[in-house]
Amino acid sequence: MIGRVLDTSALLAWSRRTSPYVDATVWSRAQHSGYVVPVVTSAPALTAALAQLPHQDVPVLDALLGMEISIVDDLTPGSASGVAAILQTAGPYAAEQLTAASIVHTAQRRGLPVITSNPFPLRALAADVEIDLIP
């Protein structure tokens, strides 16, 4: 379990350069020569981050996405049922929880912990999701 899943808060922290922890996590994975140690996110989490970033911070996020270690899980017809199964616990708040559910699904499917500054929406959907809390 050497990879990590970045939720929206982790993507924002990277893009704004506000978390030495997120920086260290990403750079430590990028320094492995000969094999890829991934940082993974989901398309909905990426979309939510881009919607919150000022224009001048987008190139920093683009730099992360351009790294060999970066993987973005798409929300496809094949993954939609797994994300929807997680979302069922959200009831009428399902639309608001789509990003969190996509991150939980990605973490569970890949067997990786989630780097986040806010574990509550993730744990509300899946109490057993492993959290790597941004200090």
N, C-alpha and C. Protein backbone atom coordinates (compact mmCIF):
# COMPACT_ATOMS: atom_id res chain seq x y z
N MET A 1 0.85 -1.18 0.00
CA MET A 1 0.00 0.00 0.00
C MET A 1 0.89 1.24 0.00
N ILE A 2 1.48 1.53 -1.14
CA ILE A 2 2.40 2.65 -1.21
C ILE A 2 1.81 3.86 -1.93
N GLY A 3 0.72 3.68 -2.65
CA GLY A 3 0.06 4.80 -3.31
C GLY A 3 -0.86 5.53 -2.35
N ARG A 4 -1.42 6.61 -2.81
CA ARG A 4 -2.38 7.37 -2.03
C ARG A 4 -3.46 7.92 -2.95
N VAL A 5 -4.66 8.12 -2.39
CA VAL A 5 -5.77 8.74 -3.10
C VAL A 5 -5.91 10.16 -2.57
N LEU A 6 -5.93 11.13 -3.47
CA LEU A 6 -6.06 12.53 -3.09
C LEU A 6 -7.51 12.97 -3.29
N ASP A 7 -8.13 13.46 -2.22
CA ASP A 7 -9.49 13.99 -2.37
C ASP A 7 -9.39 15.47 -2.77
N THR A 8 -10.53 16.13 -2.86
CA THR A 8 -10.56 17.53 -3.29
C THR A 8 -9.72 18.41 -2.37
N SER A 9 -9.79 18.20 -1.05
CA SER A 9 -9.02 19.04 -0.13
C SER A 9 -7.52 18.87 -0.35
N ALA A 10 -7.08 17.66 -0.65
CA ALA A 10 -5.66 17.42 -0.91
C ALA A 10 -5.24 18.06 -2.23
N LEU A 11 -6.08 17.98 -3.25
CA LEU A 11 -5.77 18.63 -4.53
C LEU A 11 -5.68 20.15 -4.36
N LEU A 12 -6.58 20.70 -3.55
CA LEU A 12 -6.55 22.15 -3.30
C LEU A 12 -5.29 22.53 -2.51
N ALA A 13 -4.93 21.73 -1.53
CA ALA A 13 -3.72 22.00 -0.75
C ALA A 13 -2.48 21.97 -1.65
N TRP A 14 -2.41 21.00 -2.55
CA TRP A 14 -1.28 20.92 -3.48
C TRP A 14 -1.25 22.17 -4.37
N SER A 15 -2.39 22.52 -4.93
CA SER A 15 -2.46 23.61 -5.90
C SER A 15 -2.18 24.96 -5.28
N ARG A 16 -2.58 25.13 -4.04
CA ARG A 16 -2.38 26.40 -3.33
C ARG A 16 -1.05 26.45 -2.59
N ARG A 17 -0.34 25.30 -2.56
CA ARG A 17 0.94 25.19 -1.88
C ARG A 17 0.80 25.49 -0.39
N THR A 18 -0.25 24.95 0.23
CA THR A 18 -0.53 25.25 1.63
C THR A 18 -0.22 24.11 2.59
N SER A 19 0.18 22.95 2.07
CA SER A 19 0.41 21.81 2.95
C SER A 19 1.75 21.14 2.67
N PRO A 20 2.72 21.32 3.57
CA PRO A 20 3.98 20.60 3.41
C PRO A 20 3.75 19.08 3.41
N TYR A 21 2.73 18.63 4.11
CA TYR A 21 2.44 17.19 4.16
C TYR A 21 2.06 16.65 2.79
N VAL A 22 1.14 17.33 2.11
CA VAL A 22 0.72 16.89 0.78
C VAL A 22 1.91 16.99 -0.18
N ASP A 23 2.67 18.08 -0.10
CA ASP A 23 3.85 18.21 -0.95
C ASP A 23 4.80 17.03 -0.74
N ALA A 24 5.10 16.72 0.51
CA ALA A 24 6.03 15.63 0.82
C ALA A 24 5.49 14.29 0.33
N THR A 25 4.18 14.08 0.48
CA THR A 25 3.58 12.84 0.02
C THR A 25 3.73 12.68 -1.49
N VAL A 26 3.43 13.73 -2.23
CA VAL A 26 3.53 13.66 -3.69
C VAL A 26 4.98 13.49 -4.11
N TRP A 27 5.87 14.31 -3.58
CA TRP A 27 7.27 14.24 -4.01
C TRP A 27 7.92 12.93 -3.62
N SER A 28 7.53 12.37 -2.47
CA SER A 28 8.12 11.08 -2.08
C SER A 28 7.74 9.98 -3.06
N ARG A 29 6.56 10.07 -3.66
CA ARG A 29 6.14 9.08 -4.64
C ARG A 29 6.82 9.32 -5.99
N ALA A 30 7.12 10.56 -6.29
CA ALA A 30 7.73 10.90 -7.58
C ALA A 30 9.20 10.52 -7.63
N GLN A 31 9.83 10.28 -6.49
CA GLN A 31 11.27 10.03 -6.45
C GLN A 31 11.66 8.58 -6.67
N HIS A 32 10.72 7.70 -6.88
CA HIS A 32 11.04 6.30 -7.12
C HIS A 32 11.37 6.10 -8.59
N SER A 33 12.61 5.77 -8.89
CA SER A 33 12.97 5.57 -10.29
C SER A 33 12.74 4.10 -10.67
N GLY A 34 12.25 3.90 -11.85
CA GLY A 34 12.06 2.56 -12.36
C GLY A 34 10.67 1.99 -12.17
N TYR A 35 9.87 2.55 -11.25
CA TYR A 35 8.50 2.09 -11.09
C TYR A 35 7.63 3.23 -10.59
N VAL A 36 6.35 3.13 -10.85
CA VAL A 36 5.42 4.20 -10.51
C VAL A 36 4.77 3.91 -9.17
N VAL A 37 4.85 4.88 -8.27
CA VAL A 37 4.14 4.84 -6.99
C VAL A 37 3.04 5.89 -7.12
N PRO A 38 1.79 5.47 -7.34
CA PRO A 38 0.76 6.41 -7.79
C PRO A 38 0.18 7.32 -6.71
N VAL A 39 -0.24 8.48 -7.17
CA VAL A 39 -1.20 9.31 -6.46
C VAL A 39 -2.42 9.33 -7.37
N VAL A 40 -3.54 8.98 -6.79
CA VAL A 40 -4.77 8.76 -7.56
C VAL A 40 -5.82 9.75 -7.07
N THR A 41 -6.65 10.22 -7.97
CA THR A 41 -7.82 10.98 -7.60
C THR A 41 -8.95 10.53 -8.52
N SER A 42 -10.12 11.11 -8.33
CA SER A 42 -11.25 10.77 -9.19
C SER A 42 -11.61 12.00 -10.02
N ALA A 43 -12.25 11.77 -11.15
CA ALA A 43 -12.67 12.87 -12.00
C ALA A 43 -13.60 13.84 -11.27
N PRO A 44 -14.57 13.36 -10.45
CA PRO A 44 -15.40 14.32 -9.72
C PRO A 44 -14.60 15.16 -8.72
N ALA A 45 -13.62 14.57 -8.04
CA ALA A 45 -12.79 15.33 -7.09
C ALA A 45 -11.95 16.36 -7.83
N LEU A 46 -11.41 15.98 -8.97
CA LEU A 46 -10.65 16.92 -9.78
C LEU A 46 -11.53 18.07 -10.25
N THR A 47 -12.73 17.76 -10.69
CA THR A 47 -13.67 18.79 -11.15
C THR A 47 -14.00 19.75 -10.02
N ALA A 48 -14.26 19.22 -8.82
CA ALA A 48 -14.58 20.07 -7.67
C ALA A 48 -13.40 20.96 -7.31
N ALA A 49 -12.19 20.43 -7.39
CA ALA A 49 -11.01 21.24 -7.09
C ALA A 49 -10.85 22.37 -8.11
N LEU A 50 -10.98 22.03 -9.38
CA LEU A 50 -10.85 23.05 -10.42
C LEU A 50 -11.89 24.16 -10.27
N ALA A 51 -13.08 23.79 -9.83
CA ALA A 51 -14.14 24.79 -9.64
C ALA A 51 -13.82 25.76 -8.51
N GLN A 52 -12.98 25.35 -7.57
CA GLN A 52 -12.66 26.19 -6.41
C GLN A 52 -11.34 26.94 -6.54
N LEU A 53 -10.54 26.60 -7.54
CA LEU A 53 -9.22 27.21 -7.66
C LEU A 53 -9.26 28.52 -8.44
N PRO A 54 -8.53 29.52 -7.95
CA PRO A 54 -8.35 30.71 -8.78
C PRO A 54 -7.49 30.35 -10.00
N HIS A 55 -7.68 31.07 -11.05
CA HIS A 55 -7.02 30.78 -12.32
C HIS A 55 -5.50 30.61 -12.17
N GLN A 56 -4.87 31.41 -11.34
CA GLN A 56 -3.41 31.36 -11.23
C GLN A 56 -2.90 30.08 -10.57
N ASP A 57 -3.76 29.34 -9.85
CA ASP A 57 -3.35 28.10 -9.20
C ASP A 57 -3.56 26.85 -10.07
N VAL A 58 -4.30 26.99 -11.15
CA VAL A 58 -4.59 25.83 -12.02
C VAL A 58 -3.33 25.22 -12.62
N PRO A 59 -2.33 26.01 -13.05
CA PRO A 59 -1.13 25.39 -13.60
C PRO A 59 -0.39 24.49 -12.60
N VAL A 60 -0.49 24.78 -11.32
CA VAL A 60 0.16 23.94 -10.32
C VAL A 60 -0.54 22.58 -10.27
N LEU A 61 -1.86 22.58 -10.35
CA LEU A 61 -2.61 21.32 -10.40
C LEU A 61 -2.32 20.59 -11.71
N ASP A 62 -2.25 21.34 -12.80
CA ASP A 62 -1.91 20.71 -14.09
C ASP A 62 -0.54 20.04 -14.05
N ALA A 63 0.40 20.64 -13.32
CA ALA A 63 1.73 20.04 -13.20
C ALA A 63 1.64 18.69 -12.49
N LEU A 64 0.82 18.60 -11.46
CA LEU A 64 0.63 17.33 -10.76
C LEU A 64 0.02 16.30 -11.71
N LEU A 65 -1.00 16.70 -12.44
CA LEU A 65 -1.67 15.78 -13.35
C LEU A 65 -0.75 15.32 -14.48
N GLY A 66 0.24 16.13 -14.81
CA GLY A 66 1.18 15.77 -15.85
C GLY A 66 2.29 14.83 -15.39
N MET A 67 2.40 14.60 -14.09
CA MET A 67 3.44 13.70 -13.57
C MET A 67 3.10 12.26 -13.90
N GLU A 68 4.12 11.47 -14.10
CA GLU A 68 3.95 10.05 -14.40
C GLU A 68 3.20 9.32 -13.29
N ILE A 69 3.30 9.81 -12.07
CA ILE A 69 2.68 9.13 -10.92
C ILE A 69 1.18 9.39 -10.81
N SER A 70 0.66 10.37 -11.54
CA SER A 70 -0.75 10.78 -11.38
C SER A 70 -1.70 9.90 -12.19
N ILE A 71 -2.76 9.49 -11.52
CA ILE A 71 -3.83 8.72 -12.15
C ILE A 71 -5.15 9.38 -11.77
N VAL A 72 -6.00 9.59 -12.74
CA VAL A 72 -7.35 10.11 -12.48
C VAL A 72 -8.34 9.02 -12.86
N ASP A 73 -9.07 8.52 -11.87
CA ASP A 73 -10.11 7.53 -12.14
C ASP A 73 -11.33 8.23 -12.73
N ASP A 74 -11.76 7.77 -13.87
CA ASP A 74 -12.95 8.32 -14.50
C ASP A 74 -14.20 7.78 -13.83
N LEU A 75 -15.27 8.54 -13.90
CA LEU A 75 -16.58 8.05 -13.51
C LEU A 75 -17.24 7.58 -14.80
N THR A 76 -17.26 6.27 -14.97
CA THR A 76 -17.73 5.65 -16.20
C THR A 76 -18.99 4.83 -15.92
N PRO A 77 -19.66 4.36 -16.95
CA PRO A 77 -20.79 3.46 -16.71
C PRO A 77 -20.36 2.23 -15.90
N GLY A 78 -19.14 1.77 -16.08
CA GLY A 78 -18.66 0.61 -15.34
C GLY A 78 -18.41 0.89 -13.86
N SER A 79 -17.98 2.10 -13.53
CA SER A 79 -17.73 2.42 -12.12
C SER A 79 -18.94 3.07 -11.45
N ALA A 80 -19.91 3.51 -12.23
CA ALA A 80 -21.07 4.23 -11.67
C ALA A 80 -21.84 3.39 -10.65
N SER A 81 -21.98 2.10 -10.90
CA SER A 81 -22.75 1.29 -9.95
C SER A 81 -22.02 1.16 -8.62
N GLY A 82 -20.69 1.06 -8.63
CA GLY A 82 -19.93 1.00 -7.38
C GLY A 82 -20.02 2.31 -6.60
N VAL A 83 -19.92 3.44 -7.31
CA VAL A 83 -20.06 4.74 -6.66
C VAL A 83 -21.50 4.91 -6.15
N ALA A 84 -22.48 4.49 -6.94
CA ALA A 84 -23.89 4.61 -6.53
C ALA A 84 -24.17 3.77 -5.30
N ALA A 85 -23.57 2.59 -5.20
CA ALA A 85 -23.77 1.75 -4.01
C ALA A 85 -23.28 2.47 -2.76
N ILE A 86 -22.16 3.18 -2.86
CA ILE A 86 -21.66 3.95 -1.73
C ILE A 86 -22.59 5.13 -1.45
N LEU A 87 -23.10 5.76 -2.51
CA LEU A 87 -23.98 6.93 -2.37
C LEU A 87 -25.33 6.62 -1.76
N GLN A 88 -25.77 5.38 -1.80
CA GLN A 88 -27.09 5.04 -1.28
C GLN A 88 -27.28 5.47 0.17
N THR A 89 -26.21 5.51 0.94
CA THR A 89 -26.34 5.93 2.34
C THR A 89 -26.54 7.43 2.47
N ALA A 90 -26.28 8.19 1.39
CA ALA A 90 -26.40 9.65 1.44
C ALA A 90 -27.84 10.12 1.29
N GLY A 91 -28.73 9.26 0.85
CA GLY A 91 -30.14 9.62 0.71
C GLY A 91 -30.34 10.86 -0.14
N PRO A 92 -31.09 11.85 0.38
CA PRO A 92 -31.39 13.04 -0.42
C PRO A 92 -30.16 13.92 -0.69
N TYR A 93 -29.05 13.64 -0.02
CA TYR A 93 -27.83 14.42 -0.22
C TYR A 93 -26.88 13.76 -1.20
N ALA A 94 -27.39 12.81 -1.96
CA ALA A 94 -26.55 12.03 -2.87
C ALA A 94 -25.80 12.91 -3.85
N ALA A 95 -26.44 13.90 -4.43
CA ALA A 95 -25.77 14.75 -5.41
C ALA A 95 -24.60 15.48 -4.76
N GLU A 96 -24.78 15.95 -3.54
CA GLU A 96 -23.72 16.66 -2.84
C GLU A 96 -22.57 15.74 -2.45
N GLN A 97 -22.85 14.46 -2.29
CA GLN A 97 -21.86 13.51 -1.85
C GLN A 97 -21.17 12.75 -2.99
N LEU A 98 -21.48 13.10 -4.22
CA LEU A 98 -20.90 12.38 -5.36
C LEU A 98 -19.38 12.38 -5.33
N THR A 99 -18.79 13.52 -5.06
CA THR A 99 -17.33 13.59 -5.03
C THR A 99 -16.77 12.68 -3.95
N ALA A 100 -17.32 12.75 -2.75
CA ALA A 100 -16.84 11.91 -1.65
C ALA A 100 -17.02 10.43 -1.98
N ALA A 101 -18.15 10.08 -2.57
CA ALA A 101 -18.39 8.68 -2.92
C ALA A 101 -17.41 8.19 -3.98
N SER A 102 -17.07 9.05 -4.92
CA SER A 102 -16.12 8.64 -5.95
C SER A 102 -14.73 8.43 -5.35
N ILE A 103 -14.36 9.23 -4.37
CA ILE A 103 -13.07 9.06 -3.69
C ILE A 103 -13.07 7.78 -2.87
N VAL A 104 -14.15 7.51 -2.12
CA VAL A 104 -14.24 6.27 -1.33
C VAL A 104 -14.16 5.06 -2.25
N HIS A 105 -14.87 5.11 -3.36
CA HIS A 105 -14.85 4.01 -4.32
C HIS A 105 -13.45 3.79 -4.86
N THR A 106 -12.77 4.86 -5.24
CA THR A 106 -11.40 4.75 -5.75
C THR A 106 -10.48 4.14 -4.69
N ALA A 107 -10.58 4.62 -3.46
CA ALA A 107 -9.73 4.11 -2.37
C ALA A 107 -10.00 2.64 -2.10
N GLN A 108 -11.27 2.26 -2.05
CA GLN A 108 -11.62 0.86 -1.78
C GLN A 108 -11.17 -0.05 -2.92
N ARG A 109 -11.39 0.38 -4.14
CA ARG A 109 -11.05 -0.43 -5.30
C ARG A 109 -9.54 -0.65 -5.41
N ARG A 110 -8.77 0.37 -5.05
CA ARG A 110 -7.32 0.28 -5.16
C ARG A 110 -6.63 -0.15 -3.86
N GLY A 111 -7.41 -0.22 -2.75
CA GLY A 111 -6.83 -0.61 -1.48
C GLY A 111 -5.84 0.42 -0.95
N LEU A 112 -6.15 1.70 -1.13
CA LEU A 112 -5.26 2.79 -0.73
C LEU A 112 -5.95 3.73 0.25
N PRO A 113 -5.18 4.37 1.13
CA PRO A 113 -5.75 5.38 2.01
C PRO A 113 -6.00 6.69 1.27
N VAL A 114 -6.88 7.51 1.84
CA VAL A 114 -7.23 8.80 1.27
C VAL A 114 -6.53 9.90 2.05
N ILE A 115 -5.83 10.78 1.36
CA ILE A 115 -5.27 11.98 1.98
C ILE A 115 -6.35 13.05 1.95
N THR A 116 -6.70 13.57 3.13
CA THR A 116 -7.76 14.56 3.22
C THR A 116 -7.57 15.43 4.45
N SER A 117 -8.14 16.62 4.40
CA SER A 117 -8.20 17.46 5.59
C SER A 117 -9.57 17.35 6.26
N ASN A 118 -10.51 16.67 5.59
CA ASN A 118 -11.87 16.54 6.12
C ASN A 118 -12.39 15.12 5.91
N PRO A 119 -12.15 14.22 6.88
CA PRO A 119 -12.56 12.84 6.71
C PRO A 119 -14.06 12.59 6.92
N PHE A 120 -14.77 13.55 7.46
CA PHE A 120 -16.17 13.32 7.86
C PHE A 120 -17.09 12.92 6.73
N PRO A 121 -17.08 13.61 5.56
CA PRO A 121 -17.97 13.15 4.49
C PRO A 121 -17.60 11.77 3.96
N LEU A 122 -16.30 11.45 3.99
CA LEU A 122 -15.85 10.15 3.51
C LEU A 122 -16.29 9.05 4.47
N ARG A 123 -16.07 9.28 5.76
CA ARG A 123 -16.43 8.27 6.76
C ARG A 123 -17.95 8.15 6.93
N ALA A 124 -18.69 9.20 6.62
CA ALA A 124 -20.15 9.09 6.68
C ALA A 124 -20.66 8.09 5.65
N LEU A 125 -19.92 7.96 4.56
CA LEU A 125 -20.30 7.03 3.50
C LEU A 125 -19.70 5.64 3.70
N ALA A 126 -18.52 5.58 4.30
CA ALA A 126 -17.84 4.30 4.52
C ALA A 126 -16.96 4.44 5.76
N ALA A 127 -17.45 3.96 6.87
CA ALA A 127 -16.74 4.13 8.14
C ALA A 127 -15.37 3.47 8.14
N ASP A 128 -15.17 2.49 7.27
CA ASP A 128 -13.91 1.74 7.27
C ASP A 128 -12.87 2.30 6.30
N VAL A 129 -13.17 3.41 5.60
CA VAL A 129 -12.19 3.95 4.66
C VAL A 129 -10.96 4.43 5.45
N GLU A 130 -9.77 4.04 4.96
CA GLU A 130 -8.55 4.44 5.66
C GLU A 130 -8.22 5.88 5.31
N ILE A 131 -7.98 6.68 6.35
CA ILE A 131 -7.72 8.11 6.20
C ILE A 131 -6.28 8.42 6.54
N ASP A 132 -5.66 9.23 5.71
CA ASP A 132 -4.33 9.79 5.96
C ASP A 132 -4.57 11.28 6.10
N LEU A 133 -4.74 11.73 7.34
CA LEU A 133 -5.19 13.11 7.62
C LEU A 133 -4.06 14.12 7.37
N ILE A 134 -4.38 15.17 6.64
CA ILE A 134 -3.43 16.25 6.42
C ILE A 134 -3.28 16.99 7.75
N PRO A 135 -2.05 17.08 8.28
CA PRO A 135 -1.87 17.77 9.56
C PRO A 135 -2.10 19.27 9.43
